[in-house]
Amino acid sequence: MAARRRWARTLALLAAAALTLGAGPPEPPPPDGRVLDALLVPRAAPDLPGTTYREFTTTLPDPRGGPIRGDVVEVDLASPAVRVDLLTPPVVAAVATVPELAGRAGAVTAVNGGFFDQGGSGAPVGVQVVDGALRSSGVPAGRRPAPPGPPGEDPDTVVGVDADGRAHLARVTQRGRAVAADREVPLAGLDGYAVPVDGVGVFDAAWGDSPRARATCGTDTDAHAPCSADTLEVRVARGQVVAVGPPGADRLPAGTVALVGRDHGAASLRGLAVDTALRVERTVAAVGAPPLRVAVGALPLARGGRVLAGLQDSERAPRTAVGLSDDGRRLWLVTVDGRQEASIGTTLAELARLLTDLGAPVAASLDGGGSTTMVRRGRDEDLAIVNAPSADPLRAVTDALAVLPR
């Protein structure tokens, strides 16, 4: 009885919304296993070429259920009118709000991007690729404040777009080494906020001026563990060591990299004196995709129209997600409101079903919770927030996945 009463209330609300928006009568309750109920077409802010904006709503009828609303922008990646880009602050260790990032770039629409070191450096948890170049390779899996991914999925999974404009759910790998006459030192990530235990991280000018010593604190599984007592920084420019000392806090000059070692990684750098010839090499590759022009770390939700097993199904929250067509020519940017009376949010498993309901056979989650934000610009209109963010004030984030006019 209670479930039927909830559905009756929901259908009444949907009927009113449909009349207001001109979308016709509401659909019947979704069948078992389906999340999406009604896809509503707003009258205001006409769609821009290459994009289609819709609102959606539903109610989950289980004992923990309640109303859900959200927003979706479907992007035609084959359209000559638009392109997809990853928008970032000027340096890796920094944050900005989605409206700030989108406004500076002149974006048509944008959503918040990947998980990040909130309350710390602001650097991304996972991979960032911008303009075809690796901007950050992320941090050890145990240092990623994000929901656990499905069993068997790689933590370095990304949503990316190649040079031909096709979208992919792929994996980015990177290998690095520093080579001197008497040694070869393996290198871990680029511009990551956590250097692996016994590892050597690489930092460049793009990192900014956040103290690099902080990256040697904690362990690969415990962010609150003490900082390493054994650290060393070796700066390299033009193929030579130019400075050796403790990890610095100043922004590095263009063309200079800092190799920051901790524990055994610091020991492997000792003996590299100033003027020593040292070659720093790095290779980056996309696995399961052509070279990517842009990429952002993401949590896989669905492949081939099938929801992945093992997704979190206990906590409902605001969510941001990306859907892809099998041929990579269509992209869905989705936000789900949550933590409020009008919308309770979804679990990751429900989010996956929602994306497949919308027609996306491939799907991945971006950062959610208080980060979830979508902005959109109509014809001759200013950029506006179209979802209902749960954070007040609006949360600043590490990046935004955006649609820009060509």
Foldseek 3Di string as FASTA:
>chain_A
DVLVVQQVVVQVVQQVVCVVQVNDHWAHADDPLFQWTDKGAHDPFDDDPQKGKIKTKHWDRDPVIAIWIKIKIKGQLVDQFKAKFKFFPQAQQDWFAPQVRCVVQVFQKWKFFAAADPPASQHGQAWKFAQLHTRKHHAQPLPGPDPDFFPPDDQQWKWFAAPSRFTDGWGKDKWKWKDFPVDIFTADMELYLAAAALHKYKYALRNAQAFNQSNQADHSNGNNHGGAPQKKKFKDAPQWTADIDHGHRHRHDHRIMIIMGGDNGSVRPPPRDGGGGMDMDMDMAIGPDHRGRTIGGWHWAAAQLDGGPDFFFDAFAWWWKKFAAPRRRMIMTMIMHDPDNNRNGGGSNNVSSNRSSVPGRTMTTHDGHQRTWMWRAGVVGDIDTDDDHPDPPRDIHGIMIGMHTD
